[in-house]
Every structure is written in structure tokens, then in C-alpha cells.
Amino acid sequence: MRITERQKLILDKVIEEYVDSANPVSSKLLEKKYHFGICPATIRNEMQTLTEGGYLYQPHTSAGRVPTDKGYRFLVDDLLEEDFSYSDQKFYKEFSQIEREVKDSLKFIHLLTKKVAEITSNLTVSYLEKEGLVLKEGWRELIKEPEFRNPDYFSKFIEMMESWEDDIEDYETSPKIRIFIGKENPLPEARDFSIIVSPCSFTKGQDGILAIIGPKRMAYSKNINLIKSLTRFLTE
């Protein structure tokens, strides 16, 4: 199925609303909040087409729509092609302040990891290859997400993190940002989550990876923007 520009816009807004609310998104909400310039029936028809194409799904007959892994992937592929340089300065200011205040390299990396976790509200992991050191920040922010009210979901996340840390060196092989959404994850335990991984030169002689890990319902645009800004900052 080839998505039209109108369907792409509707898909983007469904994802945006679902990321914000964690609730299925109805055609009525889209009609009320956005001015697509089309009638309500056309919005419903386009959402149905996106559902039949595998980009959205309907949890219940009377419910709104929720993005699928395929829907998120369509959004992410678009985002990875964008130039995010227009908003670098917003994050540069945050990173520069840490750099000015902290001279110890390990403390700098630790605070950098913590700052990324605060901005994303996801678990953030920095892995330092030379020392084999793993720094994790963001648990407090992460468990506030609605998904973690389900004890089984929380248990799956802990299980996934244990397996992921065991195989963390396998994620160093790519020079680019990689994003694993749901079933795309190589670990079976990670099928309900998304992982954004990027190579990172934290300081001179301290190479490794930085990862943002959380529910599939994460703010991909902000998170990708943040990682691109961070890697540029550290390189410069």
C-alpha cells in the first residue's frame, strides 16, 4: 500500500495524539482538533484504509485507532531523513551547561545520561566500551508512563533489560542511529518496547553507545532530535 500525503498527515496526527494520551484516537477527536479540510466521513474512511494497510489497528469495535509497529516505522523512517539542525541550540544549551560545570569525565557522562533521561522520560543507557561500564538513568520518569501500571508489562521490561545488557556489545556494530520498534527487536523479550541506539564519543578516549529505551509509544521525533543534537555536540 502506498500512503498518500493526506493519509500520512492523518497517521502522523494519530501517532502524535496516542503518544500524548496513551488512549486510542478517534476520528471525532481528529475532526475537532485538526483542520484537514475534509469531511468527517473522509477522515473515517482514510483511517479505515490505514487500518487495512496495517498502519493502525482498532483494539475494540467501538474504539479509536492505535498505531502499529508498521505505523511507527513509517514515521521513524521519515524522521531519520530529516535535518534536525534547526533545534540543536535548544539542547546544546543544556549540554554546554553540564560541560562547563563538570570536569571529571565519568561524572560528565553520568550527568549527560541523566539529562537525556529527564528530557525523554525514558530509560537512558550509556555504555563505555573501554571500561565495560553501563550507566542507567530514568527509572523514575519511565515508571510514570501508563503502560507500567500493568505489573506484567513492568516485569517484561525488567526481563528485557537484563537480556539487553548481556548483549550490549552487539549494538556497537553500526556507525548510525538505529531504531528497533516492537517486533523488530532482536530480543524476544523486547517485542513490547522500542530502543533507539546511537554510537557516541562521550569524551576523548571514551567511545560507546547511548540508548533510549521505553514503550513503543515514545516521542520519536524529540528523541531522535535529541540524539542527533547530542552526537553533534560531542563531536564538535
Protein backbone atom coordinates (compact mmCIF):
# COMPACT_ATOMS: atom_id res chain seq x y z
CA MET A 1 0.00 0.00 0.00
CA ARG A 2 1.33 3.43 -0.97
CA ILE A 3 0.35 6.12 1.53
CA THR A 4 -1.00 9.39 0.15
CA GLU A 5 0.02 12.76 1.61
CA ARG A 6 -3.38 13.05 3.28
CA GLN A 7 -3.11 9.60 4.82
CA LYS A 8 0.40 10.42 6.00
CA LEU A 9 -0.87 13.55 7.73
CA ILE A 10 -3.68 11.64 9.43
CA LEU A 11 -1.27 8.88 10.51
CA ASP A 12 1.14 11.47 11.95
CA LYS A 13 -1.66 13.06 13.98
CA VAL A 14 -2.95 9.71 15.24
CA ILE A 15 0.56 8.86 16.45
CA GLU A 16 1.02 12.32 17.98
CA GLU A 17 -2.25 12.05 19.89
CA TYR A 18 -1.61 8.50 21.01
CA VAL A 19 1.90 9.37 22.26
CA ASP A 20 0.40 12.22 24.29
CA SER A 21 -2.61 10.41 25.73
CA ALA A 22 -1.96 6.64 25.56
CA ASN A 23 -5.63 6.34 24.50
CA PRO A 24 -7.00 5.11 21.16
CA VAL A 25 -7.56 8.04 18.80
CA SER A 26 -11.00 8.57 17.26
CA SER A 27 -11.93 10.26 14.01
CA LYS A 28 -14.11 12.64 16.06
CA LEU A 29 -11.09 13.84 18.02
CA LEU A 30 -9.11 14.43 14.81
CA GLU A 31 -12.02 16.28 13.23
CA LYS A 32 -12.42 18.50 16.29
CA LYS A 33 -8.72 19.27 16.83
CA TYR A 34 -7.29 19.46 13.32
CA HIS A 35 -8.40 21.19 10.17
CA PHE A 36 -7.74 18.69 7.41
CA GLY A 37 -10.12 20.38 5.04
CA ILE A 38 -12.11 17.17 4.54
CA CYS A 39 -15.43 15.91 5.87
CA PRO A 40 -15.68 13.57 8.90
CA ALA A 41 -16.68 10.63 6.70
CA THR A 42 -13.49 11.02 4.66
CA ILE A 43 -11.38 11.04 7.83
CA ARG A 44 -13.08 7.81 8.92
CA ASN A 45 -12.51 6.25 5.50
CA GLU A 46 -8.82 7.21 5.48
CA MET A 47 -8.35 5.77 8.99
CA GLN A 48 -10.02 2.57 7.83
CA THR A 49 -7.68 2.41 4.83
CA LEU A 50 -4.67 2.89 7.12
CA THR A 51 -6.04 0.13 9.36
CA GLU A 52 -6.44 -2.25 6.42
CA GLY A 53 -2.89 -1.37 5.33
CA GLY A 54 -1.52 -2.38 8.74
CA TYR A 55 -0.50 1.10 9.92
CA LEU A 56 -3.23 1.37 12.57
CA TYR A 57 -5.33 -1.10 14.49
CA GLN A 58 -8.59 -0.93 16.39
CA PRO A 59 -8.43 -2.55 19.86
CA HIS A 60 -12.24 -2.83 20.06
CA THR A 61 -15.08 -2.36 17.59
CA SER A 62 -16.22 0.90 19.16
CA ALA A 63 -12.72 2.17 19.98
CA GLY A 64 -10.47 4.59 18.15
CA ARG A 65 -7.22 3.61 16.45
CA VAL A 66 -3.75 2.85 17.81
CA PRO A 67 -0.51 2.88 15.79
CA THR A 68 1.05 -0.47 14.87
CA ASP A 69 4.77 -1.25 14.64
CA LYS A 70 4.43 -0.62 10.90
CA GLY A 71 2.82 2.78 11.56
CA TYR A 72 5.61 3.82 13.90
CA ARG A 73 8.21 2.58 11.41
CA PHE A 74 6.74 4.73 8.65
CA LEU A 75 7.01 7.78 10.91
CA VAL A 76 10.55 6.93 12.07
CA ASP A 77 11.90 6.39 8.55
CA ASP A 78 10.63 9.85 7.65
CA LEU A 79 12.20 11.38 10.76
CA LEU A 80 15.62 9.82 10.15
CA GLU A 81 15.79 11.55 6.78
CA GLU A 82 15.03 14.98 8.24
CA ASP A 83 17.62 17.60 9.16
CA PHE A 84 17.11 18.48 12.80
CA SER A 85 19.77 21.21 12.94
CA TYR A 86 17.15 23.93 13.38
CA SER A 87 16.59 22.94 17.02
CA ASP A 88 20.11 21.93 18.01
CA GLN A 89 20.64 25.07 20.07
CA LYS A 90 17.86 24.15 22.49
CA PHE A 91 19.74 21.02 23.52
CA TYR A 92 23.23 22.48 23.07
CA LYS A 93 22.49 24.89 25.91
CA GLU A 94 21.64 22.01 28.25
CA PHE A 95 24.74 20.02 27.29
CA SER A 96 27.06 23.03 27.44
CA GLN A 97 26.00 23.85 30.97
CA ILE A 98 26.94 20.35 32.13
CA GLU A 99 30.28 20.60 30.33
CA ARG A 100 31.08 23.94 31.99
CA GLU A 101 30.19 22.75 35.48
CA VAL A 102 31.77 19.29 35.45
CA LYS A 103 35.39 18.48 34.64
CA ASP A 104 35.53 14.83 35.68
CA SER A 105 34.81 12.76 32.56
CA LEU A 106 32.82 9.98 34.24
CA LYS A 107 30.69 12.45 36.16
CA PHE A 108 30.13 14.38 32.92
CA ILE A 109 28.87 11.23 31.16
CA HIS A 110 26.72 10.33 34.15
CA LEU A 111 25.05 13.78 34.22
CA LEU A 112 24.66 13.73 30.44
CA THR A 113 22.87 10.38 30.69
CA LYS A 114 20.65 11.76 33.45
CA LYS A 115 19.79 14.86 31.40
CA VAL A 116 18.77 12.77 28.37
CA ALA A 117 16.54 10.65 30.64
CA GLU A 118 14.90 13.78 32.06
CA ILE A 119 14.19 15.21 28.61
CA THR A 120 12.87 11.97 27.11
CA SER A 121 11.10 10.46 30.15
CA ASN A 122 12.57 7.14 29.01
CA LEU A 123 15.29 4.94 30.40
CA THR A 124 18.66 6.13 29.09
CA VAL A 125 21.70 3.89 28.98
CA SER A 126 25.29 4.94 28.30
CA TYR A 127 27.79 2.17 27.67
CA LEU A 128 31.51 2.95 27.85
CA GLU A 129 33.33 0.42 25.73
CA LYS A 130 36.80 0.95 27.22
CA GLU A 131 35.69 0.32 30.78
CA GLY A 132 32.78 -2.01 30.09
CA LEU A 133 30.71 0.37 32.24
CA VAL A 134 26.93 0.70 31.94
CA LEU A 135 25.20 3.80 33.29
CA LYS A 136 21.39 3.79 33.55
CA GLU A 137 19.18 6.77 34.35
CA GLY A 138 15.48 7.48 34.08
CA TRP A 139 13.69 4.77 36.04
CA ARG A 140 11.68 7.34 37.99
CA GLU A 141 10.48 9.05 34.82
CA LEU A 142 9.83 5.81 32.97
CA ILE A 143 7.59 4.09 35.52
CA LYS A 144 5.23 7.07 35.48
CA GLU A 145 4.19 6.08 31.96
CA PRO A 146 0.70 4.47 31.88
CA GLU A 147 1.98 1.19 30.43
CA PHE A 148 3.84 0.46 33.65
CA ARG A 149 0.65 0.35 35.70
CA ASN A 150 0.42 -3.19 34.36
CA PRO A 151 2.69 -5.39 36.55
CA ASP A 152 3.24 -7.85 33.69
CA TYR A 153 4.48 -5.05 31.44
CA PHE A 154 6.90 -3.89 34.12
CA SER A 155 8.18 -7.45 34.63
CA LYS A 156 8.71 -7.85 30.88
CA PHE A 157 10.69 -4.61 30.80
CA ILE A 158 13.00 -5.76 33.62
CA GLU A 159 13.49 -9.11 31.89
CA MET A 160 14.23 -7.37 28.60
CA MET A 161 16.79 -5.04 30.19
CA GLU A 162 18.65 -7.95 31.78
CA SER A 163 18.92 -9.70 28.41
CA TRP A 164 19.78 -6.48 26.59
CA GLU A 165 22.66 -5.65 28.93
CA ASP A 166 24.09 -9.14 28.43
CA ASP A 167 24.22 -8.48 24.67
CA ILE A 168 25.00 -4.76 24.79
CA GLU A 169 28.27 -5.11 22.87
CA ASP A 170 26.34 -6.41 19.87
CA TYR A 171 24.82 -2.94 19.45
CA GLU A 172 28.20 -1.30 18.77
CA THR A 173 28.49 -2.56 15.21
CA SER A 174 26.69 0.27 13.42
CA PRO A 175 28.01 3.81 12.86
CA LYS A 176 24.45 5.18 12.55
CA ILE A 177 21.40 5.67 14.74
CA ARG A 178 19.32 2.50 14.78
CA ILE A 179 15.76 2.20 15.98
CA PHE A 180 14.17 -1.11 16.90
CA ILE A 181 10.37 -0.96 17.22
CA GLY A 182 8.48 -3.78 18.88
CA LYS A 183 8.91 -6.98 16.88
CA GLU A 184 11.92 -5.52 15.06
CA ASN A 185 13.94 -6.01 18.24
CA PRO A 186 16.32 -8.97 18.03
CA LEU A 187 15.44 -9.95 21.61
CA PRO A 188 12.08 -11.75 22.00
CA GLU A 189 11.70 -10.06 25.41
CA ALA A 190 11.74 -6.63 23.75
CA ARG A 191 8.70 -7.07 21.49
CA ASP A 192 6.61 -4.60 23.52
CA PHE A 193 9.26 -1.88 23.59
CA SER A 194 11.31 0.43 21.39
CA ILE A 195 15.06 1.01 21.55
CA ILE A 196 16.96 3.88 19.94
CA VAL A 197 20.71 3.20 19.82
CA SER A 198 23.46 5.53 18.66
CA PRO A 199 27.27 5.29 18.66
CA CYS A 200 28.68 8.02 20.89
CA SER A 201 32.12 9.52 21.57
CA PHE A 202 31.37 10.83 25.05
CA THR A 203 34.84 12.25 25.70
CA LYS A 204 38.30 11.76 24.25
CA GLY A 205 39.05 8.06 24.57
CA GLN A 206 35.58 7.21 25.84
CA ASP A 207 33.62 5.71 22.96
CA GLY A 208 30.49 3.65 23.34
CA ILE A 209 26.78 3.79 22.74
CA LEU A 210 23.84 5.76 24.07
CA ALA A 211 20.41 4.16 24.08
CA ILE A 212 16.91 5.44 24.81
CA ILE A 213 14.59 2.61 25.84
CA GLY A 214 10.88 2.70 26.59
CA PRO A 215 7.37 1.87 25.41
CA LYS A 216 6.68 1.78 21.68
CA ARG A 217 4.54 4.84 22.43
CA MET A 218 7.56 7.13 22.73
CA ALA A 219 8.16 10.62 21.34
CA TYR A 220 10.31 9.51 18.39
CA SER A 221 10.73 12.98 16.89
CA LYS A 222 12.02 14.50 20.12
CA ASN A 223 14.20 11.51 20.94
CA ILE A 224 15.83 11.30 17.51
CA ASN A 225 16.34 15.06 17.52
CA LEU A 226 17.97 14.85 20.94
CA ILE A 227 20.38 12.07 19.99
CA LYS A 228 21.38 13.81 16.75
CA SER A 229 21.97 17.03 18.67
CA LEU A 230 23.99 15.25 21.35
CA THR A 231 26.26 13.41 18.93
CA ARG A 232 26.90 16.67 17.04
CA PHE A 233 27.66 18.47 20.30
CA LEU A 234 30.13 15.81 21.44
CA THR A 235 31.81 15.70 18.02
CA GLU A 236 32.24 19.47 17.90
